[in-house]
C-alpha atoms as a PDB file:
ATOM      1  CA  MET A   1     -26.739 -93.604   1.489  1.00  0.00           C
ATOM      2  CA  GLY A   2     -26.204 -97.339   1.468  1.00  0.00           C
ATOM      3  CA  ARG A   3     -26.315 -99.594  -1.567  1.00  0.00           C
ATOM      4  CA  LEU A   4     -29.840-100.703  -0.587  1.00  0.00           C
ATOM      5  CA  THR A   5     -31.374 -97.483   0.700  1.00  0.00           C
ATOM      6  CA  GLY A   6     -35.132 -97.598   0.193  1.00  0.00           C
ATOM      7  CA  LYS A   7     -35.160-101.345  -0.455  1.00  0.00           C
ATOM      8  CA  VAL A   8     -36.899-104.122   1.478  1.00  0.00           C
ATOM      9  CA  ALA A   9     -35.456-107.636   1.894  1.00  0.00           C
ATOM     10  CA  PHE A  10     -37.193-110.862   2.921  1.00  0.00           C
ATOM     11  CA  ILE A  11     -34.887-113.373   4.637  1.00  0.00           C
ATOM     12  CA  THR A  12     -35.639-116.897   5.867  1.00  0.00           C
ATOM     13  CA  GLY A  13     -33.731-118.573   8.695  1.00  0.00           C
ATOM     14  CA  ALA A  14     -32.882-115.172  10.133  1.00  0.00           C
ATOM     15  CA  ALA A  15     -32.719-115.905  13.867  1.00  0.00           C
ATOM     16  CA  ARG A  16     -28.975-116.527  14.017  1.00  0.00           C
ATOM     17  CA  GLY A  17     -25.826-117.384  12.111  1.00  0.00           C
ATOM     18  CA  GLN A  18     -25.842-116.767   8.404  1.00  0.00           C
ATOM     19  CA  GLY A  19     -29.427-115.463   8.230  1.00  0.00           C
ATOM     20  CA  ARG A  20     -28.832-112.964  11.018  1.00  0.00           C
ATOM     21  CA  ALA A  21     -25.593-111.785   9.416  1.00  0.00           C
ATOM     22  CA  GLU A  22     -27.463-111.253   6.134  1.00  0.00           C
ATOM     23  CA  ALA A  23     -30.224-109.282   7.864  1.00  0.00           C
ATOM     24  CA  VAL A  24     -27.749-107.042   9.679  1.00  0.00           C
ATOM     25  CA  ARG A  25     -25.601-106.501   6.593  1.00  0.00           C
ATOM     26  CA  LEU A  26     -28.524-105.608   4.348  1.00  0.00           C
ATOM     27  CA  ALA A  27     -29.848-103.282   7.061  1.00  0.00           C
ATOM     28  CA  ALA A  28     -26.431-101.637   7.247  1.00  0.00           C
ATOM     29  CA  GLU A  29     -26.753-101.025   3.506  1.00  0.00           C
ATOM     30  CA  GLY A  30     -30.091 -99.265   4.080  1.00  0.00           C
ATOM     31  CA  ALA A  31     -32.679-102.010   3.651  1.00  0.00           C
ATOM     32  CA  ASP A  32     -35.688-102.689   5.845  1.00  0.00           C
ATOM     33  CA  ILE A  33     -36.049-106.365   6.705  1.00  0.00           C
ATOM     34  CA  ILE A  34     -38.810-108.957   6.765  1.00  0.00           C
ATOM     35  CA  ALA A  35     -37.374-111.895   8.718  1.00  0.00           C
ATOM     36  CA  VAL A  36     -38.713-115.362   9.465  1.00  0.00           C
ATOM     37  CA  ASP A  37     -37.397-118.394  11.303  1.00  0.00           C
ATOM     38  CA  ILE A  38     -38.934-121.626  12.575  1.00  0.00           C
ATOM     39  CA  VAL A  39     -37.322-121.045  16.023  1.00  0.00           C
ATOM     40  CA  GLU A  40     -37.644-124.738  16.868  1.00  0.00           C
ATOM     41  CA  SER A  41     -36.197-127.978  15.566  1.00  0.00           C
ATOM     42  CA  ALA A  42     -37.170-128.751  11.982  1.00  0.00           C
ATOM     43  CA  SER A  43     -36.352-132.464  12.239  1.00  0.00           C
ATOM     44  CA  ARG A  44     -35.638-135.054  14.907  1.00  0.00           C
ATOM     45  CA  TYR A  45     -32.534-136.002  12.935  1.00  0.00           C
ATOM     46  CA  VAL A  46     -30.915-132.586  13.430  1.00  0.00           C
ATOM     47  CA  ARG A  47     -28.330-132.928  16.193  1.00  0.00           C
ATOM     48  CA  TYR A  48     -27.421-129.270  16.774  1.00  0.00           C
ATOM     49  CA  GLU A  49     -29.477-126.928  18.943  1.00  0.00           C
ATOM     50  CA  PRO A  50     -32.307-125.161  17.086  1.00  0.00           C
ATOM     51  CA  ALA A  51     -32.654-121.399  16.878  1.00  0.00           C
ATOM     52  CA  THR A  52     -34.804-119.774  19.545  1.00  0.00           C
ATOM     53  CA  GLN A  53     -37.269-116.908  19.788  1.00  0.00           C
ATOM     54  CA  ALA A  54     -34.711-115.069  21.915  1.00  0.00           C
ATOM     55  CA  GLU A  55     -32.233-115.291  19.036  1.00  0.00           C
ATOM     56  CA  LEU A  56     -34.800-113.964  16.570  1.00  0.00           C
ATOM     57  CA  ASP A  57     -35.465-111.114  19.007  1.00  0.00           C
ATOM     58  CA  GLU A  58     -31.721-110.405  19.026  1.00  0.00           C
ATOM     59  CA  THR A  59     -31.765-110.184  15.235  1.00  0.00           C
ATOM     60  CA  VAL A  60     -34.529-107.588  15.557  1.00  0.00           C
ATOM     61  CA  LYS A  61     -32.412-105.613  18.000  1.00  0.00           C
ATOM     62  CA  LEU A  62     -29.329-105.711  15.779  1.00  0.00           C
ATOM     63  CA  VAL A  63     -31.257-104.582  12.696  1.00  0.00           C
ATOM     64  CA  GLU A  64     -32.852-101.727  14.626  1.00  0.00           C
ATOM     65  CA  GLU A  65     -29.403-100.694  15.858  1.00  0.00           C
ATOM     66  CA  GLN A  66     -28.573-100.114  12.171  1.00  0.00           C
ATOM     67  CA  GLY A  67     -31.413 -97.577  12.095  1.00  0.00           C
ATOM     68  CA  ARG A  68     -33.668 -99.803   9.993  1.00  0.00           C
ATOM     69  CA  ARG A  69     -37.114-101.274  10.492  1.00  0.00           C
ATOM     70  CA  ILE A  70     -37.859-104.985  10.753  1.00  0.00           C
ATOM     71  CA  VAL A  71     -40.868-107.301  10.842  1.00  0.00           C
ATOM     72  CA  ALA A  72     -39.801-110.644  12.324  1.00  0.00           C
ATOM     73  CA  ARG A  73     -42.152-113.614  12.567  1.00  0.00           C
ATOM     74  CA  LYS A  74     -42.064-117.282  13.452  1.00  0.00           C
ATOM     75  CA  ALA A  75     -42.599-119.274  10.269  1.00  0.00           C
ATOM     76  CA  ASP A  76     -41.602-122.661   8.890  1.00  0.00           C
ATOM     77  CA  VAL A  77     -40.535-122.537   5.237  1.00  0.00           C
ATOM     78  CA  ARG A  78     -42.574-125.712   4.710  1.00  0.00           C
ATOM     79  CA  ASP A  79     -45.700-123.685   5.556  1.00  0.00           C
ATOM     80  CA  LEU A  80     -46.634-121.608   2.504  1.00  0.00           C
ATOM     81  CA  GLY A  81     -49.442-119.834   4.329  1.00  0.00           C
ATOM     82  CA  ALA A  82     -47.116-118.652   7.092  1.00  0.00           C
ATOM     83  CA  LEU A  83     -44.605-117.356   4.558  1.00  0.00           C
ATOM     84  CA  GLU A  84     -47.282-115.519   2.594  1.00  0.00           C
ATOM     85  CA  ALA A  85     -48.635-113.957   5.787  1.00  0.00           C
ATOM     86  CA  ALA A  86     -45.186-112.692   6.777  1.00  0.00           C
ATOM     87  CA  VAL A  87     -44.589-111.260   3.309  1.00  0.00           C
ATOM     88  CA  GLN A  88     -47.977-109.547   3.269  1.00  0.00           C
ATOM     89  CA  GLU A  89     -47.409-108.056   6.716  1.00  0.00           C
ATOM     90  CA  GLY A  90     -43.954-106.814   5.806  1.00  0.00           C
ATOM     91  CA  VAL A  91     -45.039-105.309   2.488  1.00  0.00           C
ATOM     92  CA  ALA A  92     -47.978-103.619   4.220  1.00  0.00           C
ATOM     93  CA  ALA A  93     -45.557-102.115   6.757  1.00  0.00           C
ATOM     94  CA  PHE A  94     -42.772-101.093   4.378  1.00  0.00           C
ATOM     95  CA  GLY A  95     -44.606-100.586   1.095  1.00  0.00           C
ATOM     96  CA  ARG A  96     -42.603-102.855  -1.171  1.00  0.00           C
ATOM     97  CA  LEU A  97     -40.313-105.857  -1.639  1.00  0.00           C
ATOM     98  CA  ASP A  98     -37.028-105.893  -3.558  1.00  0.00           C
ATOM     99  CA  VAL A  99     -34.764-108.680  -2.331  1.00  0.00           C
ATOM    100  CA  VAL A 100     -35.506-112.289  -1.411  1.00  0.00           C
ATOM    101  CA  VAL A 101     -32.916-114.408   0.414  1.00  0.00           C
ATOM    102  CA  ALA A 102     -33.890-118.075   0.733  1.00  0.00           C
ATOM    103  CA  ASN A 103     -31.422-118.906   3.478  1.00  0.00           C
ATOM    104  CA  ALA A 104     -33.172-121.414   5.768  1.00  0.00           C
ATOM    105  CA  GLY A 105     -31.794-124.946   5.742  1.00  0.00           C
ATOM    106  CA  ILE A 106     -30.942-127.984   7.821  1.00  0.00           C
ATOM    107  CA  VAL A 107     -28.224-130.613   7.638  1.00  0.00           C
ATOM    108  CA  ASN A 108     -27.459-134.061   9.018  1.00  0.00           C
ATOM    109  CA  TYR A 109     -25.330-136.951   7.840  1.00  0.00           C
ATOM    110  CA  GLY A 110     -25.533-140.591   6.825  1.00  0.00           C
ATOM    111  CA  ARG A 111     -24.551-143.039   4.139  1.00  0.00           C
ATOM    112  CA  THR A 112     -26.992-142.786   1.272  1.00  0.00           C
ATOM    113  CA  TRP A 113     -28.440-146.281   1.643  1.00  0.00           C
ATOM    114  CA  GLU A 114     -28.722-145.930   5.421  1.00  0.00           C
ATOM    115  CA  LEU A 115     -30.796-142.732   5.474  1.00  0.00           C
ATOM    116  CA  THR A 116     -34.350-143.229   6.672  1.00  0.00           C
ATOM    117  CA  GLU A 117     -37.259-142.048   4.554  1.00  0.00           C
ATOM    118  CA  GLU A 118     -38.104-139.414   7.147  1.00  0.00           C
ATOM    119  CA  GLN A 119     -34.506-138.199   7.325  1.00  0.00           C
ATOM    120  CA  TRP A 120     -34.398-137.842   3.546  1.00  0.00           C
ATOM    121  CA  GLN A 121     -37.784-136.159   3.335  1.00  0.00           C
ATOM    122  CA  ASP A 122     -37.125-133.634   6.119  1.00  0.00           C
ATOM    123  CA  VAL A 123     -34.040-132.284   4.352  1.00  0.00           C
ATOM    124  CA  ILE A 124     -35.701-132.160   0.935  1.00  0.00           C
ATOM    125  CA  ASP A 125     -38.796-130.490   2.382  1.00  0.00           C
ATOM    126  CA  VAL A 126     -36.851-127.734   4.151  1.00  0.00           C
ATOM    127  CA  ASN A 127     -33.922-127.180   1.805  1.00  0.00           C
ATOM    128  CA  LEU A 128     -35.606-127.546  -1.579  1.00  0.00           C
ATOM    129  CA  THR A 129     -39.379-127.424  -1.273  1.00  0.00           C
ATOM    130  CA  GLY A 130     -39.001-124.688   1.359  1.00  0.00           C
ATOM    131  CA  VAL A 131     -36.996-122.625  -1.125  1.00  0.00           C
ATOM    132  CA  TRP A 132     -39.673-123.113  -3.776  1.00  0.00           C
ATOM    133  CA  LYS A 133     -42.345-122.032  -1.271  1.00  0.00           C
ATOM    134  CA  THR A 134     -40.250-118.969  -0.399  1.00  0.00           C
ATOM    135  CA  VAL A 135     -40.162-118.099  -4.091  1.00  0.00           C
ATOM    136  CA  LYS A 136     -43.878-118.749  -4.469  1.00  0.00           C
ATOM    137  CA  ALA A 137     -44.636-116.467  -1.517  1.00  0.00           C
ATOM    138  CA  THR A 138     -42.534-113.562  -2.802  1.00  0.00           C
ATOM    139  CA  VAL A 139     -42.079-113.521  -6.571  1.00  0.00           C
ATOM    140  CA  PRO A 140     -45.680-112.493  -7.404  1.00  0.00           C
ATOM    141  CA  THR A 141     -45.120-109.286  -5.421  1.00  0.00           C
ATOM    142  CA  LEU A 142     -41.877-108.574  -7.286  1.00  0.00           C
ATOM    143  CA  ILE A 143     -43.613-109.090 -10.628  1.00  0.00           C
ATOM    144  CA  GLU A 144     -46.641-106.999  -9.676  1.00  0.00           C
ATOM    145  CA  GLN A 145     -44.445-104.078  -8.593  1.00  0.00           C
ATOM    146  CA  GLY A 146     -42.812-104.026 -12.016  1.00  0.00           C
ATOM    147  CA  GLN A 147     -39.517-102.667 -10.675  1.00  0.00           C
ATOM    148  CA  GLY A 148     -37.301-105.721 -10.898  1.00  0.00           C
ATOM    149  CA  GLY A 149     -35.619-107.381  -7.960  1.00  0.00           C
ATOM    150  CA  SER A 150     -33.014-109.849  -6.779  1.00  0.00           C
ATOM    151  CA  VAL A 151     -33.708-113.400  -5.610  1.00  0.00           C
ATOM    152  CA  ILE A 152     -30.785-115.067  -3.837  1.00  0.00           C
ATOM    153  CA  LEU A 153     -30.951-118.775  -3.096  1.00  0.00           C
ATOM    154  CA  ILE A 154     -28.402-120.161  -0.648  1.00  0.00           C
ATOM    155  CA  SER A 155     -27.030-123.438  -1.942  1.00  0.00           C
ATOM    156  CA  SER A 156     -23.707-125.001  -0.892  1.00  0.00           C
ATOM    157  CA  VAL A 157     -20.493-126.534  -2.136  1.00  0.00           C
ATOM    158  CA  ALA A 158     -22.679-129.652  -1.922  1.00  0.00           C
ATOM    159  CA  GLY A 159     -24.876-128.085  -4.592  1.00  0.00           C
ATOM    160  CA  LEU A 160     -22.060-128.417  -7.129  1.00  0.00           C
ATOM    161  CA  LYS A 161     -20.045-131.354  -5.797  1.00  0.00           C
ATOM    162  CA  GLY A 162     -20.862-134.882  -4.642  1.00  0.00           C
ATOM    163  CA  LEU A 163     -19.950-134.554  -0.976  1.00  0.00           C
ATOM    164  CA  PRO A 164     -20.127-137.931   0.800  1.00  0.00           C
ATOM    165  CA  PHE A 165     -22.595-138.665   3.619  1.00  0.00           C
ATOM    166  CA  LEU A 166     -24.810-135.860   2.340  1.00  0.00           C
ATOM    167  CA  ALA A 167     -26.972-137.418  -0.389  1.00  0.00           C
ATOM    168  CA  HIS A 168     -30.163-135.808   0.873  1.00  0.00           C
ATOM    169  CA  TYR A 169     -28.458-132.452   1.499  1.00  0.00           C
ATOM    170  CA  ALA A 170     -26.516-132.501  -1.786  1.00  0.00           C
ATOM    171  CA  GLY A 171     -29.660-133.550  -3.632  1.00  0.00           C
ATOM    172  CA  SER A 172     -31.566-130.619  -2.144  1.00  0.00           C
ATOM    173  CA  LYS A 173     -28.789-128.123  -2.851  1.00  0.00           C
ATOM    174  CA  HIS A 174     -28.282-129.348  -6.417  1.00  0.00           C
ATOM    175  CA  GLY A 175     -32.037-128.944  -6.788  1.00  0.00           C
ATOM    176  CA  VAL A 176     -31.789-125.338  -5.629  1.00  0.00           C
ATOM    177  CA  VAL A 177     -29.355-124.678  -8.496  1.00  0.00           C
ATOM    178  CA  GLY A 178     -31.761-126.135 -11.033  1.00  0.00           C
ATOM    179  CA  LEU A 179     -34.600-124.105  -9.563  1.00  0.00           C
ATOM    180  CA  ALA A 180     -32.531-120.916  -9.744  1.00  0.00           C
ATOM    181  CA  LYS A 181     -31.554-121.510 -13.365  1.00  0.00           C
ATOM    182  CA  VAL A 182     -35.182-121.997 -14.391  1.00  0.00           C
ATOM    183  CA  LEU A 183     -36.292-118.939 -12.429  1.00  0.00           C
ATOM    184  CA  ALA A 184     -33.522-116.803 -13.924  1.00  0.00           C
ATOM    185  CA  ASN A 185     -34.884-117.598 -17.374  1.00  0.00           C
ATOM    186  CA  GLU A 186     -38.536-117.153 -16.433  1.00  0.00           C
ATOM    187  CA  LEU A 187     -38.055-113.913 -14.500  1.00  0.00           C
ATOM    188  CA  GLY A 188     -35.529-112.210 -16.752  1.00  0.00           C
ATOM    189  CA  GLU A 189     -38.238-110.412 -18.721  1.00  0.00           C
ATOM    190  CA  HIS A 190     -39.334-108.807 -15.434  1.00  0.00           C
ATOM    191  CA  ASP A 191     -35.775-107.629 -14.651  1.00  0.00           C
ATOM    192  CA  ILE A 192     -35.704-109.982 -11.664  1.00  0.00           C
ATOM    193  CA  ARG A 193     -32.329-111.643 -11.204  1.00  0.00           C
ATOM    194  CA  VAL A 194     -31.888-115.079  -9.596  1.00  0.00           C
ATOM    195  CA  ASN A 195     -28.545-116.416  -8.395  1.00  0.00           C
ATOM    196  CA  THR A 196     -27.182-119.034  -6.007  1.00  0.00           C
ATOM    197  CA  ILE A 197     -24.407-118.753  -3.412  1.00  0.00           C
ATOM    198  CA  HIS A 198     -22.272-121.769  -2.569  1.00  0.00           C
ATOM    199  CA  PRO A 199     -20.572-121.642   0.826  1.00  0.00           C
ATOM    200  CA  HIS A 200     -18.025-124.045   2.230  1.00  0.00           C
ATOM    201  CA  GLY A 201     -18.573-124.808   5.922  1.00  0.00           C
ATOM    202  CA  VAL A 202     -19.923-121.721   7.711  1.00  0.00           C
ATOM    203  CA  ARG A 203     -19.451-121.022  11.409  1.00  0.00           C
ATOM    204  CA  SER A 204     -23.195-120.658  11.928  1.00  0.00           C
ATOM    205  CA  GLY A 205     -24.103-122.968  14.805  1.00  0.00           C
ATOM    206  CA  MET A 206     -25.081-125.900  12.570  1.00  0.00           C
ATOM    207  CA  VAL A 207     -22.434-128.181  14.063  1.00  0.00           C
ATOM    208  CA  ASP A 208     -22.907-131.949  13.873  1.00  0.00           C
ATOM    209  CA  THR A 209     -19.892-133.975  14.946  1.00  0.00           C
ATOM    210  CA  SER A 210     -21.167-137.147  13.267  1.00  0.00           C
ATOM    211  CA  MET A 211     -19.452-136.002  10.063  1.00  0.00           C
ATOM    212  CA  THR A 212     -16.092-136.603  11.760  1.00  0.00           C
ATOM    213  CA  GLU A 213     -17.236-140.063  12.781  1.00  0.00           C
ATOM    214  CA  TYR A 214     -18.113-140.974   9.184  1.00  0.00           C
ATOM    215  CA  ILE A 215     -14.809-139.665   7.829  1.00  0.00           C
ATOM    216  CA  GLU A 216     -12.891-141.655  10.447  1.00  0.00           C
ATOM    217  CA  LYS A 217     -14.614-144.804   9.185  1.00  0.00           C
ATOM    218  CA  SER A 218     -14.007-143.893   5.517  1.00  0.00           C
ATOM    219  CA  PRO A 219     -10.712-141.942   5.527  1.00  0.00           C
ATOM    220  CA  LEU A 220     -10.300-142.033   1.736  1.00  0.00           C
ATOM    221  CA  LEU A 221     -13.264-139.676   1.503  1.00  0.00           C
ATOM    222  CA  GLY A 222     -11.833-137.011   3.819  1.00  0.00           C
ATOM    223  CA  PRO A 223      -9.890-135.176   1.070  1.00  0.00           C
ATOM    224  CA  VAL A 224     -13.128-134.544  -0.858  1.00  0.00           C
ATOM    225  CA  PHE A 225     -13.945-131.883   1.736  1.00  0.00           C
ATOM    226  CA  MET A 226     -10.547-130.145   1.668  1.00  0.00           C
ATOM    227  CA  PRO A 227     -10.396-126.435   0.785  1.00  0.00           C
ATOM    228  CA  THR A 228      -7.549-124.856  -1.170  1.00  0.00           C
ATOM    229  CA  LEU A 229      -7.040-121.800   1.039  1.00  0.00           C
ATOM    230  CA  PRO A 230      -5.513-122.345   4.506  1.00  0.00           C
ATOM    231  CA  TYR A 231      -8.790-122.042   6.453  1.00  0.00           C
ATOM    232  CA  GLN A 232     -11.418-124.545   7.523  1.00  0.00           C
ATOM    233  CA  MET A 233     -14.548-122.406   7.869  1.00  0.00           C
ATOM    234  CA  VAL A 234     -15.936-119.145   6.579  1.00  0.00           C
ATOM    235  CA  GLU A 235     -17.822-116.676   8.755  1.00  0.00           C
ATOM    236  CA  PRO A 236     -21.523-115.840   8.352  1.00  0.00           C
ATOM    237  CA  GLU A 237     -20.478-112.293   7.463  1.00  0.00           C
ATOM    238  CA  ASP A 238     -18.560-113.609   4.445  1.00  0.00           C
ATOM    239  CA  ILE A 239     -21.784-115.005   3.011  1.00  0.00           C
ATOM    240  CA  ALA A 240     -23.641-111.821   3.949  1.00  0.00           C
ATOM    241  CA  ASN A 241     -21.096-109.832   1.932  1.00  0.00           C
ATOM    242  CA  MET A 242     -21.946-111.828  -1.173  1.00  0.00           C
ATOM    243  CA  VAL A 243     -25.667-111.474  -0.472  1.00  0.00           C
ATOM    244  CA  ALA A 244     -25.251-107.690  -0.238  1.00  0.00           C
ATOM    245  CA  PHE A 245     -23.444-107.667  -3.580  1.00  0.00           C
ATOM    246  CA  LEU A 246     -26.136-109.733  -5.310  1.00  0.00           C
ATOM    247  CA  ALA A 247     -28.878-107.611  -3.735  1.00  0.00           C
ATOM    248  CA  SER A 248     -27.325-104.383  -5.013  1.00  0.00           C
ATOM    249  CA  ASP A 249     -27.172-102.774  -8.441  1.00  0.00           C
ATOM    250  CA  GLU A 250     -23.484-103.664  -8.564  1.00  0.00           C
ATOM    251  CA  SER A 251     -24.621-107.087  -9.780  1.00  0.00           C
ATOM    252  CA  LYS A 252     -27.445-105.847 -12.021  1.00  0.00           C
ATOM    253  CA  TYR A 253     -26.207-107.824 -15.030  1.00  0.00           C
ATOM    254  CA  ILE A 254     -25.650-111.104 -13.173  1.00  0.00           C
ATOM    255  CA  THR A 255     -28.360-113.767 -13.227  1.00  0.00           C
ATOM    256  CA  GLY A 256     -28.437-117.545 -13.368  1.00  0.00           C
ATOM    257  CA  ALA A 257     -24.972-117.660 -11.790  1.00  0.00           C
ATOM    258  CA  GLN A 258     -23.504-119.895  -9.104  1.00  0.00           C
ATOM    259  CA  LEU A 259     -21.182-117.846  -6.891  1.00  0.00           C
ATOM    260  CA  PRO A 260     -18.862-119.799  -4.575  1.00  0.00           C
ATOM    261  CA  VAL A 261     -17.614-118.600  -1.208  1.00  0.00           C
ATOM    262  CA  ASP A 262     -15.819-121.864  -0.699  1.00  0.00           C
ATOM    263  CA  LEU A 263     -12.126-121.424   0.172  1.00  0.00           C
ATOM    264  CA  GLY A 264     -11.344-122.980  -3.216  1.00  0.00           C
ATOM    265  CA  ALA A 265     -13.001-126.294  -2.306  1.00  0.00           C
ATOM    266  CA  LEU A 266     -14.759-126.550  -5.670  1.00  0.00           C
ATOM    267  CA  ASN A 267     -11.412-126.198  -7.441  1.00  0.00           C
ATOM    268  CA  ARG A 268     -10.084-129.398  -5.855  1.00  0.00           C
END
C-alpha cells in the first residue's frame, strides 16, 4: 500500500523532467495518473528543445511499469477546453480526482526593459494564466466529489525573490503564490489544500545558456543566484518527493504554504 493508493493525480507538463518525475513518483505511491503536455514549443523565445510526443509516451511507459494506469494527452495549458477534456477523460477512466499538480512552465531571459511584449505575454500566459486554467479545469471536480484534495502549484525561488533577468518569469511565479494563497482560503471549507513548491534550478532539460551571458555582463548580480548548500542544481526527483508529501495525508494540515526545495538560496 502506497501513500496514494486509490488516488488519481492530474499533472501538467508531464512529458519529461520534473513533470515526468512527479508522475512516476506518484504512481509509485499508488496513484493513477492523468498527464498532459504541449509536446511542442510554447514560445519562439524559448531556446531549449521542447518536449516531444515520444517523451510523453515514455512517461506512459514508466508509469505503467509502476503497475498504475495513465491517460496521457497532448494539451496546452493555455487551452482551457483541452485541459477540461483531458480531466473529463481521466475521471471517466479512473472514477475520481484527488491531486492536481500545476507543473507546466517555460523560461527565458532578458533585462526587464528589453523584453518584447510577446516574450512577456508568452511567459505570463503559460506560467500564470495556464496555472489558473489548470485550477479551473480541475477544482470543480474536487468540490463536487466532496472528499477533499490537494492542489500543488509549482512556483520557483523566483516566486519569492527578485531574480535578475527574469521579470516576466518572476512576475508569473510570484503570481502563482498569490493565486495559491487565495485558493487555500477559498477551498479550505471543502478540505482542499493548496500549496506552492519553490525549486532552485532543476536539472530538467530547460537549459538556456543566455543566463550566463547576462551574468557575465552584470557580474554584481551573480551572487543573487547563489545557493547555501554546496550544489548547483536539484534533481527532478527532489521536487517529486515534495509533491508526493503534499499529495499525501502526511501533509493534511498544511495549506497556503510556500515550501522551498532551493539549496538554501532563499536564505541568502
